[in-house]
């Protein structure tokens, strides 16, 4: 039994570990417990036999009790109390997970639920104090859990299956251009909607179609981008597979630090990702685009006109660099 109850992007980065479990124990029945939000990532995953959604508000430990006596191995892919409690409740002979060095209470709680524990070097404050401090990419962090569990076959590809039905649904979306995902982090903390609209106008100067994708968290902003008339298409209301299909058909993806980064990597698309100014040194290592050409940029600390102008120029330069390299 596997579990990851947190974000979509983190579950995408766990798909190599899921594949490694399948290849290490090919005869096993693999069940994964997800949240209602992130289950879409693994609904079509060929390495999973069963996807269970833990109902919102349900005790993770209570939910995990259904696996008592039914599994030999349980792995918590997320370093969260809920995932650890769920794994602990299975009473599986091997219960694996990870936590962080300076999260002392979490380390204590982990010992109550798990019998094989990794301690991560990833620490936001320590990484900012020492820019040379190296941490593992999230993919490698989670793969190490499979090794700790006794797995001996490492699989390293991100898995997000896209069906022909998804591709047909976005057939009218322009192809071979630049896709930008309009997440909320474009709108504050060193970036603004107005500056982002100006950035989109600059990206049009590359002579390629520019497509903006968005979710429910940026509906009003997407309307303003559409009204500005600076892009070729603004698309929302997409299923997870359709969103991935939009990225698949474009040459390059530009995004802030969100699940879009990892969808783009799964589609093997070169990616420009903008990380927050705070904790950049950690985030740009742990959640960087995975195994694709990429540029990781740091948001400015403020949003003065000069800082915003320099930020737009940096994004445009990163796009230009990737287009020349691919």
C-alpha atoms as a PDB file:
ATOM      1  CA  UNK A   1       0.000   0.000   0.000  1.00  0.00           C
ATOM      2  CA  UNK A   2       1.256   3.451  -0.986  1.00  0.00           C
ATOM      3  CA  UNK A   3      -0.051   6.822   0.076  1.00  0.00           C
ATOM      4  CA  UNK A   4       0.355  10.455  -0.942  1.00  0.00           C
ATOM      5  CA  UNK A   5      -2.388  12.843   0.172  1.00  0.00           C
ATOM      6  CA  UNK A   6      -0.854  16.224  -0.664  1.00  0.00           C
ATOM      7  CA  UNK A   7      -0.360  18.105  -3.940  1.00  0.00           C
ATOM      8  CA  UNK A   8      -0.753  17.120  -7.581  1.00  0.00           C
ATOM      9  CA  UNK A   9       2.826  18.042  -8.441  1.00  0.00           C
ATOM     10  CA  UNK A  10       4.303  16.011  -5.612  1.00  0.00           C
ATOM     11  CA  UNK A  11       2.323  12.946  -6.660  1.00  0.00           C
ATOM     12  CA  UNK A  12       3.602  13.350 -10.236  1.00  0.00           C
ATOM     13  CA  UNK A  13       7.134  13.383  -8.815  1.00  0.00           C
ATOM     14  CA  UNK A  14       6.295  10.162  -6.961  1.00  0.00           C
ATOM     15  CA  UNK A  15       5.370   8.252 -10.128  1.00  0.00           C
ATOM     16  CA  UNK A  16       8.956   6.996 -10.677  1.00  0.00           C
ATOM     17  CA  UNK A  17       8.810   5.502  -7.174  1.00  0.00           C
ATOM     18  CA  UNK A  18       5.445   3.909  -7.966  1.00  0.00           C
ATOM     19  CA  UNK A  19       7.002   2.416 -11.113  1.00  0.00           C
ATOM     20  CA  UNK A  20       9.949   1.189  -9.062  1.00  0.00           C
ATOM     21  CA  UNK A  21       7.608  -0.571  -6.626  1.00  0.00           C
ATOM     22  CA  UNK A  22       5.898  -2.308  -9.541  1.00  0.00           C
ATOM     23  CA  UNK A  23       9.197  -3.442 -11.054  1.00  0.00           C
ATOM     24  CA  UNK A  24      10.718  -4.484  -7.732  1.00  0.00           C
ATOM     25  CA  UNK A  25       7.679  -6.563  -6.773  1.00  0.00           C
ATOM     26  CA  UNK A  26       6.049  -7.425 -10.118  1.00  0.00           C
ATOM     27  CA  UNK A  27       3.555  -9.869  -8.606  1.00  0.00           C
ATOM     28  CA  UNK A  28       2.340  -7.492  -5.915  1.00  0.00           C
ATOM     29  CA  UNK A  29      -1.087  -5.862  -5.874  1.00  0.00           C
ATOM     30  CA  UNK A  30      -0.343  -2.118  -5.679  1.00  0.00           C
ATOM     31  CA  UNK A  31      -2.939   0.104  -4.010  1.00  0.00           C
ATOM     32  CA  UNK A  32      -2.395   3.834  -3.597  1.00  0.00           C
ATOM     33  CA  UNK A  33      -4.390   6.083  -1.275  1.00  0.00           C
ATOM     34  CA  UNK A  34      -4.764   9.650  -2.523  1.00  0.00           C
ATOM     35  CA  UNK A  35      -6.822  12.740  -1.792  1.00  0.00           C
ATOM     36  CA  UNK A  36      -9.816  13.825  -3.830  1.00  0.00           C
ATOM     37  CA  UNK A  37      -7.596  16.568  -5.278  1.00  0.00           C
ATOM     38  CA  UNK A  38      -4.583  14.604  -6.484  1.00  0.00           C
ATOM     39  CA  UNK A  39      -6.064  11.218  -7.443  1.00  0.00           C
ATOM     40  CA  UNK A  40      -6.359  12.342 -11.081  1.00  0.00           C
ATOM     41  CA  UNK A  41      -2.595  11.900 -11.402  1.00  0.00           C
ATOM     42  CA  UNK A  42      -2.728   8.109 -10.986  1.00  0.00           C
ATOM     43  CA  UNK A  43      -6.180   7.175 -12.304  1.00  0.00           C
ATOM     44  CA  UNK A  44      -4.586   5.869 -15.537  1.00  0.00           C
ATOM     45  CA  UNK A  45      -1.224   4.866 -14.108  1.00  0.00           C
ATOM     46  CA  UNK A  46      -0.328   1.393 -15.456  1.00  0.00           C
ATOM     47  CA  UNK A  47       1.748   0.591 -12.354  1.00  0.00           C
ATOM     48  CA  UNK A  48      -1.222   0.906  -9.980  1.00  0.00           C
ATOM     49  CA  UNK A  49      -3.876  -1.772  -9.492  1.00  0.00           C
ATOM     50  CA  UNK A  50      -6.224   0.245  -7.294  1.00  0.00           C
ATOM     51  CA  UNK A  51      -6.682   3.919  -6.451  1.00  0.00           C
ATOM     52  CA  UNK A  52      -8.516   4.770  -3.237  1.00  0.00           C
ATOM     53  CA  UNK A  53      -9.543   8.284  -2.252  1.00  0.00           C
ATOM     54  CA  UNK A  54      -9.441   9.062   1.441  1.00  0.00           C
ATOM     55  CA  UNK A  55     -12.636  11.052   2.109  1.00  0.00           C
ATOM     56  CA  UNK A  56     -12.069  14.638   3.206  1.00  0.00           C
ATOM     57  CA  UNK A  57     -12.346  14.945   6.970  1.00  0.00           C
ATOM     58  CA  UNK A  58     -11.855  11.238   7.607  1.00  0.00           C
ATOM     59  CA  UNK A  59      -9.154  10.201  10.075  1.00  0.00           C
ATOM     60  CA  UNK A  60      -6.172   8.952   8.102  1.00  0.00           C
ATOM     61  CA  UNK A  61      -5.413   6.387  10.806  1.00  0.00           C
ATOM     62  CA  UNK A  62      -8.982   5.117  10.747  1.00  0.00           C
ATOM     63  CA  UNK A  63      -8.869   4.860   6.963  1.00  0.00           C
ATOM     64  CA  UNK A  64      -5.618   2.910   7.145  1.00  0.00           C
ATOM     65  CA  UNK A  65      -7.083   0.300   9.480  1.00  0.00           C
ATOM     66  CA  UNK A  66      -8.790  -1.413   6.538  1.00  0.00           C
ATOM     67  CA  UNK A  67      -5.348  -2.625   5.396  1.00  0.00           C
ATOM     68  CA  UNK A  68      -4.476  -4.451   8.627  1.00  0.00           C
ATOM     69  CA  UNK A  69      -3.342  -7.935   7.797  1.00  0.00           C
ATOM     70  CA  UNK A  70      -3.794  -7.210   4.092  1.00  0.00           C
ATOM     71  CA  UNK A  71      -0.427  -5.770   3.051  1.00  0.00           C
ATOM     72  CA  UNK A  72       3.228  -6.630   3.510  1.00  0.00           C
ATOM     73  CA  UNK A  73       4.615  -3.197   2.708  1.00  0.00           C
ATOM     74  CA  UNK A  74       3.293   0.344   3.206  1.00  0.00           C
ATOM     75  CA  UNK A  75       5.101   3.505   2.076  1.00  0.00           C
ATOM     76  CA  UNK A  76       4.206   7.116   2.898  1.00  0.00           C
ATOM     77  CA  UNK A  77       5.500   9.147  -0.039  1.00  0.00           C
ATOM     78  CA  UNK A  78       4.612  12.465   1.659  1.00  0.00           C
ATOM     79  CA  UNK A  79       6.437  13.648   4.811  1.00  0.00           C
ATOM     80  CA  UNK A  80       3.144  14.511   6.465  1.00  0.00           C
ATOM     81  CA  UNK A  81       1.527  13.310   9.648  1.00  0.00           C
ATOM     82  CA  UNK A  82      -1.613  12.088   7.891  1.00  0.00           C
ATOM     83  CA  UNK A  83       0.328   9.874   5.487  1.00  0.00           C
ATOM     84  CA  UNK A  84       2.471   8.474   8.292  1.00  0.00           C
ATOM     85  CA  UNK A  85      -0.572   7.756  10.452  1.00  0.00           C
ATOM     86  CA  UNK A  86      -2.280   5.990   7.560  1.00  0.00           C
ATOM     87  CA  UNK A  87       0.773   3.806   6.963  1.00  0.00           C
ATOM     88  CA  UNK A  88       1.158   3.106  10.668  1.00  0.00           C
ATOM     89  CA  UNK A  89      -2.451   1.957  10.958  1.00  0.00           C
ATOM     90  CA  UNK A  90      -1.853  -0.789   8.388  1.00  0.00           C
ATOM     91  CA  UNK A  91       0.503  -2.594  10.805  1.00  0.00           C
ATOM     92  CA  UNK A  92       2.344  -3.822   7.707  1.00  0.00           C
ATOM     93  CA  UNK A  93       5.630  -5.597   8.566  1.00  0.00           C
ATOM     94  CA  UNK A  94       7.536  -2.915   6.603  1.00  0.00           C
ATOM     95  CA  UNK A  95       6.347   0.690   7.036  1.00  0.00           C
ATOM     96  CA  UNK A  96       8.476   3.339   5.345  1.00  0.00           C
ATOM     97  CA  UNK A  97       8.483   7.140   5.133  1.00  0.00           C
ATOM     98  CA  UNK A  98      10.609  10.255   5.509  1.00  0.00           C
ATOM     99  CA  UNK A  99      10.734  13.455   7.477  1.00  0.00           C
ATOM    100  CA  UNK A 100      13.015  16.476   7.943  1.00  0.00           C
ATOM    101  CA  UNK A 101      15.968  16.891  10.300  1.00  0.00           C
ATOM    102  CA  UNK A 102      14.732  19.954  12.183  1.00  0.00           C
ATOM    103  CA  UNK A 103      11.061  19.001  12.369  1.00  0.00           C
ATOM    104  CA  UNK A 104      11.585  17.450  15.759  1.00  0.00           C
ATOM    105  CA  UNK A 105       7.979  16.684  16.636  1.00  0.00           C
ATOM    106  CA  UNK A 106       7.414  15.116  13.204  1.00  0.00           C
ATOM    107  CA  UNK A 107      10.518  12.952  13.682  1.00  0.00           C
ATOM    108  CA  UNK A 108       9.163  11.752  17.009  1.00  0.00           C
ATOM    109  CA  UNK A 109       5.727  11.065  15.509  1.00  0.00           C
ATOM    110  CA  UNK A 110       7.302   9.214  12.586  1.00  0.00           C
ATOM    111  CA  UNK A 111       8.825   6.691  14.996  1.00  0.00           C
ATOM    112  CA  UNK A 112       5.353   5.923  16.311  1.00  0.00           C
ATOM    113  CA  UNK A 113       4.061   4.970  12.860  1.00  0.00           C
ATOM    114  CA  UNK A 114       7.037   3.813  10.776  1.00  0.00           C
ATOM    115  CA  UNK A 115       9.795   1.272  11.261  1.00  0.00           C
ATOM    116  CA  UNK A 116      12.051   2.474   8.428  1.00  0.00           C
ATOM    117  CA  UNK A 117      12.643   6.222   8.261  1.00  0.00           C
ATOM    118  CA  UNK A 118      14.734   8.518   6.074  1.00  0.00           C
ATOM    119  CA  UNK A 119      15.709  11.989   7.292  1.00  0.00           C
ATOM    120  CA  UNK A 120      15.918  14.585   4.519  1.00  0.00           C
ATOM    121  CA  UNK A 121      18.557  17.334   4.258  1.00  0.00           C
ATOM    122  CA  UNK A 122      15.965  19.646   2.730  1.00  0.00           C
ATOM    123  CA  UNK A 123      15.630  22.611   5.067  1.00  0.00           C
ATOM    124  CA  UNK A 124      14.456  26.018   3.788  1.00  0.00           C
ATOM    125  CA  UNK A 125      16.332  28.150   6.313  1.00  0.00           C
ATOM    126  CA  UNK A 126      19.597  26.215   6.162  1.00  0.00           C
ATOM    127  CA  UNK A 127      19.563  26.302   2.354  1.00  0.00           C
ATOM    128  CA  UNK A 128      19.108  30.072   2.374  1.00  0.00           C
ATOM    129  CA  UNK A 129      21.956  30.513   4.837  1.00  0.00           C
ATOM    130  CA  UNK A 130      24.250  28.307   2.735  1.00  0.00           C
ATOM    131  CA  UNK A 131      23.548  28.467  -1.007  1.00  0.00           C
ATOM    132  CA  UNK A 132      25.961  25.568  -1.565  1.00  0.00           C
ATOM    133  CA  UNK A 133      23.900  23.189   0.570  1.00  0.00           C
ATOM    134  CA  UNK A 134      22.799  20.397  -1.765  1.00  0.00           C
ATOM    135  CA  UNK A 135      19.468  18.600  -1.348  1.00  0.00           C
ATOM    136  CA  UNK A 136      17.930  15.771  -3.304  1.00  0.00           C
ATOM    137  CA  UNK A 137      15.321  16.336  -5.948  1.00  0.00           C
ATOM    138  CA  UNK A 138      11.924  15.171  -4.718  1.00  0.00           C
ATOM    139  CA  UNK A 139      12.006  12.317  -7.256  1.00  0.00           C
ATOM    140  CA  UNK A 140      15.257  10.987  -5.774  1.00  0.00           C
ATOM    141  CA  UNK A 141      14.029  11.541  -2.214  1.00  0.00           C
ATOM    142  CA  UNK A 142      10.987   9.366  -2.821  1.00  0.00           C
ATOM    143  CA  UNK A 143      12.903   6.763  -4.848  1.00  0.00           C
ATOM    144  CA  UNK A 144      15.168   6.325  -1.824  1.00  0.00           C
ATOM    145  CA  UNK A 145      12.115   5.173   0.144  1.00  0.00           C
ATOM    146  CA  UNK A 146      11.604   2.287  -2.268  1.00  0.00           C
ATOM    147  CA  UNK A 147      15.257   1.286  -1.839  1.00  0.00           C
ATOM    148  CA  UNK A 148      14.861   1.494   1.946  1.00  0.00           C
ATOM    149  CA  UNK A 149      11.812  -0.770   1.658  1.00  0.00           C
ATOM    150  CA  UNK A 150      13.923  -3.392  -0.151  1.00  0.00           C
ATOM    151  CA  UNK A 151      13.199  -2.470  -3.748  1.00  0.00           C
ATOM    152  CA  UNK A 152      15.973  -3.315  -6.185  1.00  0.00           C
ATOM    153  CA  UNK A 153      14.696  -2.024  -9.550  1.00  0.00           C
ATOM    154  CA  UNK A 154      14.764   1.735 -10.080  1.00  0.00           C
ATOM    155  CA  UNK A 155      12.435   3.353 -12.629  1.00  0.00           C
ATOM    156  CA  UNK A 156      13.056   7.050 -13.316  1.00  0.00           C
ATOM    157  CA  UNK A 157      10.353   8.308 -15.709  1.00  0.00           C
ATOM    158  CA  UNK A 158       7.487  10.579 -14.710  1.00  0.00           C
ATOM    159  CA  UNK A 159       4.212   8.932 -15.697  1.00  0.00           C
ATOM    160  CA  UNK A 160       1.213  11.021 -16.778  1.00  0.00           C
ATOM    161  CA  UNK A 161      -0.684   9.094 -19.475  1.00  0.00           C
ATOM    162  CA  UNK A 162      -2.423  11.226 -22.101  1.00  0.00           C
ATOM    163  CA  UNK A 163      -5.192   9.611 -24.134  1.00  0.00           C
ATOM    164  CA  UNK A 164      -6.215  10.358 -27.708  1.00  0.00           C
ATOM    165  CA  UNK A 165      -9.507  11.598 -26.263  1.00  0.00           C
ATOM    166  CA  UNK A 166      -7.572  14.287 -24.367  1.00  0.00           C
ATOM    167  CA  UNK A 167      -5.705  15.298 -27.509  1.00  0.00           C
ATOM    168  CA  UNK A 168      -8.899  15.549 -29.533  1.00  0.00           C
ATOM    169  CA  UNK A 169     -10.495  17.705 -26.830  1.00  0.00           C
ATOM    170  CA  UNK A 170      -7.745  20.338 -27.254  1.00  0.00           C
ATOM    171  CA  UNK A 171      -7.336  19.943 -30.993  1.00  0.00           C
ATOM    172  CA  UNK A 172      -8.202  23.603 -31.636  1.00  0.00           C
ATOM    173  CA  UNK A 173      -5.613  24.912 -29.206  1.00  0.00           C
ATOM    174  CA  UNK A 174      -2.620  26.298 -31.157  1.00  0.00           C
ATOM    175  CA  UNK A 175       0.395  23.993 -31.316  1.00  0.00           C
ATOM    176  CA  UNK A 176       4.203  24.345 -31.426  1.00  0.00           C
ATOM    177  CA  UNK A 177       4.227  27.530 -29.408  1.00  0.00           C
ATOM    178  CA  UNK A 178       4.722  28.758 -25.851  1.00  0.00           C
ATOM    179  CA  UNK A 179       2.307  27.664 -23.124  1.00  0.00           C
ATOM    180  CA  UNK A 180       2.134  29.737 -19.934  1.00  0.00           C
ATOM    181  CA  UNK A 181       0.196  28.485 -16.924  1.00  0.00           C
ATOM    182  CA  UNK A 182      -1.495  31.378 -15.113  1.00  0.00           C
ATOM    183  CA  UNK A 183      -1.240  30.340 -11.479  1.00  0.00           C
ATOM    184  CA  UNK A 184      -1.883  32.718  -8.554  1.00  0.00           C
ATOM    185  CA  UNK A 185       1.838  33.197  -7.921  1.00  0.00           C
ATOM    186  CA  UNK A 186       2.031  35.330 -11.078  1.00  0.00           C
ATOM    187  CA  UNK A 187      -0.181  37.844  -9.281  1.00  0.00           C
ATOM    188  CA  UNK A 188       1.749  38.824  -6.148  1.00  0.00           C
ATOM    189  CA  UNK A 189       5.102  38.768  -4.379  1.00  0.00           C
ATOM    190  CA  UNK A 190       7.399  40.152  -7.057  1.00  0.00           C
ATOM    191  CA  UNK A 191       4.923  39.823  -9.927  1.00  0.00           C
ATOM    192  CA  UNK A 192       1.581  41.398 -10.872  1.00  0.00           C
ATOM    193  CA  UNK A 193      -1.154  40.622 -13.347  1.00  0.00           C
ATOM    194  CA  UNK A 194      -0.377  43.770 -15.330  1.00  0.00           C
ATOM    195  CA  UNK A 195       3.287  42.804 -15.564  1.00  0.00           C
ATOM    196  CA  UNK A 196       2.343  39.258 -16.567  1.00  0.00           C
ATOM    197  CA  UNK A 197       0.141  40.584 -19.385  1.00  0.00           C
ATOM    198  CA  UNK A 198       3.072  42.690 -20.558  1.00  0.00           C
ATOM    199  CA  UNK A 199       5.300  39.595 -20.372  1.00  0.00           C
ATOM    200  CA  UNK A 200       2.848  37.676 -22.563  1.00  0.00           C
ATOM    201  CA  UNK A 201       3.007  40.476 -25.138  1.00  0.00           C
ATOM    202  CA  UNK A 202       6.813  40.161 -25.097  1.00  0.00           C
ATOM    203  CA  UNK A 203       6.604  36.402 -25.625  1.00  0.00           C
ATOM    204  CA  UNK A 204       4.556  36.988 -28.782  1.00  0.00           C
ATOM    205  CA  UNK A 205       7.644  38.626 -30.276  1.00  0.00           C
ATOM    206  CA  UNK A 206       9.223  35.202 -30.707  1.00  0.00           C
ATOM    207  CA  UNK A 207       6.795  34.678 -33.594  1.00  0.00           C
ATOM    208  CA  UNK A 208       5.189  31.601 -32.012  1.00  0.00           C
ATOM    209  CA  UNK A 209       1.636  31.010 -30.778  1.00  0.00           C
ATOM    210  CA  UNK A 210       1.217  31.852 -27.093  1.00  0.00           C
ATOM    211  CA  UNK A 211      -1.327  29.811 -25.129  1.00  0.00           C
ATOM    212  CA  UNK A 212      -2.412  30.517 -21.542  1.00  0.00           C
ATOM    213  CA  UNK A 213      -3.853  27.741 -19.376  1.00  0.00           C
ATOM    214  CA  UNK A 214      -5.552  28.365 -16.041  1.00  0.00           C
ATOM    215  CA  UNK A 215      -7.582  26.737 -13.311  1.00  0.00           C
ATOM    216  CA  UNK A 216     -10.457  27.880 -11.144  1.00  0.00           C
ATOM    217  CA  UNK A 217      -8.009  29.839  -8.982  1.00  0.00           C
ATOM    218  CA  UNK A 218      -7.347  32.358 -11.784  1.00  0.00           C
ATOM    219  CA  UNK A 219     -10.690  32.745 -13.574  1.00  0.00           C
ATOM    220  CA  UNK A 220     -10.950  36.542 -13.300  1.00  0.00           C
ATOM    221  CA  UNK A 221      -7.303  37.023 -14.221  1.00  0.00           C
ATOM    222  CA  UNK A 222      -7.696  34.752 -17.247  1.00  0.00           C
ATOM    223  CA  UNK A 223     -10.602  36.899 -18.464  1.00  0.00           C
ATOM    224  CA  UNK A 224      -8.411  39.979 -18.197  1.00  0.00           C
ATOM    225  CA  UNK A 225      -5.654  38.265 -20.189  1.00  0.00           C
ATOM    226  CA  UNK A 226      -8.202  37.281 -22.834  1.00  0.00           C
ATOM    227  CA  UNK A 227      -9.566  40.827 -22.970  1.00  0.00           C
ATOM    228  CA  UNK A 228      -6.042  42.219 -23.388  1.00  0.00           C
ATOM    229  CA  UNK A 229      -5.761  40.381 -26.715  1.00  0.00           C
ATOM    230  CA  UNK A 230      -2.058  39.629 -26.335  1.00  0.00           C
ATOM    231  CA  UNK A 231      -2.188  35.821 -26.710  1.00  0.00           C
ATOM    232  CA  UNK A 232      -3.539  33.338 -29.222  1.00  0.00           C
ATOM    233  CA  UNK A 233      -5.655  31.294 -26.807  1.00  0.00           C
ATOM    234  CA  UNK A 234      -6.741  31.261 -23.164  1.00  0.00           C
ATOM    235  CA  UNK A 235      -7.993  27.835 -22.094  1.00  0.00           C
ATOM    236  CA  UNK A 236      -9.517  26.706 -18.804  1.00  0.00           C
ATOM    237  CA  UNK A 237     -12.017  24.162 -17.597  1.00  0.00           C
ATOM    238  CA  UNK A 238      -9.676  21.396 -18.707  1.00  0.00           C
ATOM    239  CA  UNK A 239      -9.492  17.913 -17.281  1.00  0.00           C
ATOM    240  CA  UNK A 240      -6.099  16.864 -15.979  1.00  0.00           C
ATOM    241  CA  UNK A 241      -5.418  14.834 -19.139  1.00  0.00           C
ATOM    242  CA  UNK A 242      -6.472  17.718 -21.393  1.00  0.00           C
ATOM    243  CA  UNK A 243      -4.199  20.109 -19.515  1.00  0.00           C
ATOM    244  CA  UNK A 244      -1.291  17.733 -20.046  1.00  0.00           C
ATOM    245  CA  UNK A 245      -2.241  17.428 -23.737  1.00  0.00           C
ATOM    246  CA  UNK A 246      -1.996  21.226 -24.160  1.00  0.00           C
ATOM    247  CA  UNK A 247       1.537  21.170 -22.771  1.00  0.00           C
ATOM    248  CA  UNK A 248       2.401  18.148 -24.902  1.00  0.00           C
ATOM    249  CA  UNK A 249       1.541  19.950 -28.143  1.00  0.00           C
ATOM    250  CA  UNK A 250       3.580  23.077 -27.375  1.00  0.00           C
ATOM    251  CA  UNK A 251       7.333  23.613 -27.655  1.00  0.00           C
ATOM    252  CA  UNK A 252       7.972  25.164 -24.261  1.00  0.00           C
ATOM    253  CA  UNK A 253       6.149  25.761 -20.970  1.00  0.00           C
ATOM    254  CA  UNK A 254       6.487  28.825 -18.736  1.00  0.00           C
ATOM    255  CA  UNK A 255       5.119  28.657 -15.206  1.00  0.00           C
ATOM    256  CA  UNK A 256       5.457  29.740 -11.631  1.00  0.00           C
ATOM    257  CA  UNK A 257       6.230  27.097  -9.004  1.00  0.00           C
ATOM    258  CA  UNK A 258       3.149  24.901  -9.188  1.00  0.00           C
ATOM    259  CA  UNK A 259       2.052  21.488 -10.418  1.00  0.00           C
ATOM    260  CA  UNK A 260       2.320  22.780 -13.982  1.00  0.00           C
ATOM    261  CA  UNK A 261       6.118  22.451 -13.663  1.00  0.00           C
ATOM    262  CA  UNK A 262       5.832  18.708 -13.217  1.00  0.00           C
ATOM    263  CA  UNK A 263       3.077  18.171 -15.768  1.00  0.00           C
ATOM    264  CA  UNK A 264       5.398  19.845 -18.273  1.00  0.00           C
ATOM    265  CA  UNK A 265       8.287  17.573 -17.252  1.00  0.00           C
ATOM    266  CA  UNK A 266       6.068  14.514 -17.633  1.00  0.00           C
ATOM    267  CA  UNK A 267       5.261  15.708 -21.167  1.00  0.00           C
ATOM    268  CA  UNK A 268       9.036  16.082 -21.802  1.00  0.00           C
ATOM    269  CA  UNK A 269       8.686  19.784 -22.508  1.00  0.00           C
ATOM    270  CA  UNK A 270      11.453  22.339 -21.885  1.00  0.00           C
ATOM    271  CA  UNK A 271      10.335  24.531 -19.007  1.00  0.00           C
ATOM    272  CA  UNK A 272      10.976  27.957 -17.541  1.00  0.00           C
ATOM    273  CA  UNK A 273       9.882  27.930 -13.904  1.00  0.00           C
ATOM    274  CA  UNK A 274       9.772  30.943 -11.603  1.00  0.00           C
ATOM    275  CA  UNK A 275      10.323  30.249  -7.908  1.00  0.00           C
ATOM    276  CA  UNK A 276       9.485  32.553  -5.024  1.00  0.00           C
ATOM    277  CA  UNK A 277      12.276  34.773  -3.739  1.00  0.00           C
ATOM    278  CA  UNK A 278      11.977  33.213  -0.283  1.00  0.00           C
ATOM    279  CA  UNK A 279      13.577  29.766  -0.063  1.00  0.00           C
ATOM    280  CA  UNK A 280      14.674  29.828  -3.713  1.00  0.00           C
ATOM    281  CA  UNK A 281      17.815  27.776  -3.008  1.00  0.00           C
ATOM    282  CA  UNK A 282      15.764  24.874  -1.666  1.00  0.00           C
ATOM    283  CA  UNK A 283      12.845  25.034  -4.086  1.00  0.00           C
ATOM    284  CA  UNK A 284      14.998  25.297  -7.209  1.00  0.00           C
ATOM    285  CA  UNK A 285      16.746  22.046  -6.254  1.00  0.00           C
ATOM    286  CA  UNK A 286      13.931  19.986  -4.747  1.00  0.00           C
ATOM    287  CA  UNK A 287      11.171  20.895  -7.231  1.00  0.00           C
ATOM    288  CA  UNK A 288      13.084  21.831 -10.374  1.00  0.00           C
ATOM    289  CA  UNK A 289      11.842  20.549 -13.760  1.00  0.00           C
ATOM    290  CA  UNK A 290      12.842  16.912 -13.969  1.00  0.00           C
ATOM    291  CA  UNK A 291      15.016  15.532 -16.780  1.00  0.00           C
ATOM    292  CA  UNK A 292      14.047  18.218 -19.307  1.00  0.00           C
ATOM    293  CA  UNK A 293      15.921  21.314 -20.508  1.00  0.00           C
ATOM    294  CA  UNK A 294      15.000  24.057 -18.066  1.00  0.00           C
ATOM    295  CA  UNK A 295      15.688  27.482 -16.632  1.00  0.00           C
ATOM    296  CA  UNK A 296      14.954  28.203 -12.958  1.00  0.00           C
ATOM    297  CA  UNK A 297      14.403  31.872 -12.138  1.00  0.00           C
ATOM    298  CA  UNK A 298      14.013  33.723  -8.856  1.00  0.00           C
ATOM    299  CA  UNK A 299      11.211  36.234  -8.413  1.00  0.00           C
ATOM    300  CA  UNK A 300      12.325  39.720  -7.446  1.00  0.00           C
ATOM    301  CA  UNK A 301      12.006  40.638  -3.788  1.00  0.00           C
ATOM    302  CA  UNK A 302       9.689  43.549  -4.638  1.00  0.00           C
ATOM    303  CA  UNK A 303       7.420  44.773  -7.382  1.00  0.00           C
ATOM    304  CA  UNK A 304       8.838  48.178  -8.265  1.00  0.00           C
ATOM    305  CA  UNK A 305       8.676  49.081 -11.964  1.00  0.00           C
ATOM    306  CA  UNK A 306      12.420  48.478 -12.336  1.00  0.00           C
ATOM    307  CA  UNK A 307      12.230  45.055 -10.646  1.00  0.00           C
ATOM    308  CA  UNK A 308       9.242  43.985 -12.740  1.00  0.00           C
ATOM    309  CA  UNK A 309      10.942  45.094 -15.945  1.00  0.00           C
ATOM    310  CA  UNK A 310      14.095  43.171 -15.090  1.00  0.00           C
ATOM    311  CA  UNK A 311      11.987  40.113 -14.176  1.00  0.00           C
ATOM    312  CA  UNK A 312      10.156  40.148 -17.522  1.00  0.00           C
ATOM    313  CA  UNK A 313      13.462  40.480 -19.329  1.00  0.00           C
ATOM    314  CA  UNK A 314      14.840  37.480 -17.422  1.00  0.00           C
ATOM    315  CA  UNK A 315      11.833  35.319 -18.328  1.00  0.00           C
ATOM    316  CA  UNK A 316      12.046  36.324 -21.995  1.00  0.00           C
ATOM    317  CA  UNK A 317      15.793  35.606 -22.025  1.00  0.00           C
ATOM    318  CA  UNK A 318      15.198  32.172 -20.486  1.00  0.00           C
ATOM    319  CA  UNK A 319      12.575  31.373 -23.134  1.00  0.00           C
ATOM    320  CA  UNK A 320      14.959  32.494 -25.859  1.00  0.00           C
ATOM    321  CA  UNK A 321      17.717  30.303 -24.418  1.00  0.00           C
ATOM    322  CA  UNK A 322      15.506  27.203 -24.334  1.00  0.00           C
ATOM    323  CA  UNK A 323      14.160  27.771 -27.824  1.00  0.00           C
ATOM    324  CA  UNK A 324      17.721  27.955 -29.138  1.00  0.00           C
ATOM    325  CA  UNK A 325      18.746  24.799 -27.247  1.00  0.00           C
ATOM    326  CA  UNK A 326      15.830  22.619 -28.353  1.00  0.00           C
END
